[in-house]
């Protein structure tokens, strides 16, 4: 049987992978989850038919959502991960012995259970004693917390379904309050390749700029995400991501990464003109 997984990126663009086997399907009150074994990208997790993680390229996203902030402030102690149920973000955080504790707030237990079963190399640190996994709504969890976290990583899906509220002004304001005076927030910020995604990214950036004195966009190449090109926001109460990078300190930690390095750190903030101009103007 010639079996293919196909995701619609826009009304006119589709992305396909040939599938060896459909390994698992499950549905929670939040979303439908499938695990497929593909020829080119290994195991693939989808939520409501959208790629979340593949064995072949997951390291790009997880390296870039974690290590950029850690190289700017290697003294981070307490971290909040909102989303991230596949465990890859926590895996990268646990490479830092100086991190005291991580709260991972994932709304859907099904995602964590499936990752434990089918992506052990990604979810391998979820049960680390320095990690607390909370099956809660991150939007509700963050409310009322003041100066608790040095770093907040919003490892969310697109702004539909469970991820919709993670792109609002109210949520970002709650995150700001929950951060310490040296706090850093990182969120995945969609692709600039397609208009419907880039509009979300521009809006997210504008909202963060109203709260944080330092907000900067950086980029990574993720083949299985729409457009193959993804953006992140770096927002901080104190730090500039280039001027304040502790390059020698980070390199001295001898952290093993597959994508991130400190030379790439400097380069990833150098945006193409069409991205830079639209973010600066705040309009698509």
Foldseek 3Di string as FASTA:
>chain_A
DFDKQWDDPDPPDIDIFTFPAWDDWDADPFWIWTWTATDPFGIFIDTNSATDDTNRFNQQVLCVLAVLVCQLPVQWAEEEEEAPLLQQNVVQVVLRPNHQAYEYEHQDVVSNVVSVVRVCVRNVCCPPPRYDYHNHQPQVVLPPAAQAGQEYGYSADPLPTSNVVCQDLSSLVSVLRNHHLFHKYKYWQFDPPDDVSVLSNLSSQVSLVVPAVEKAKFKTQGCRGVPSITIMIIGTNDTHSPVRRNQVVVVVSVRDGDPDHVVVSVVRRDDDPVSVVCSVVSHD
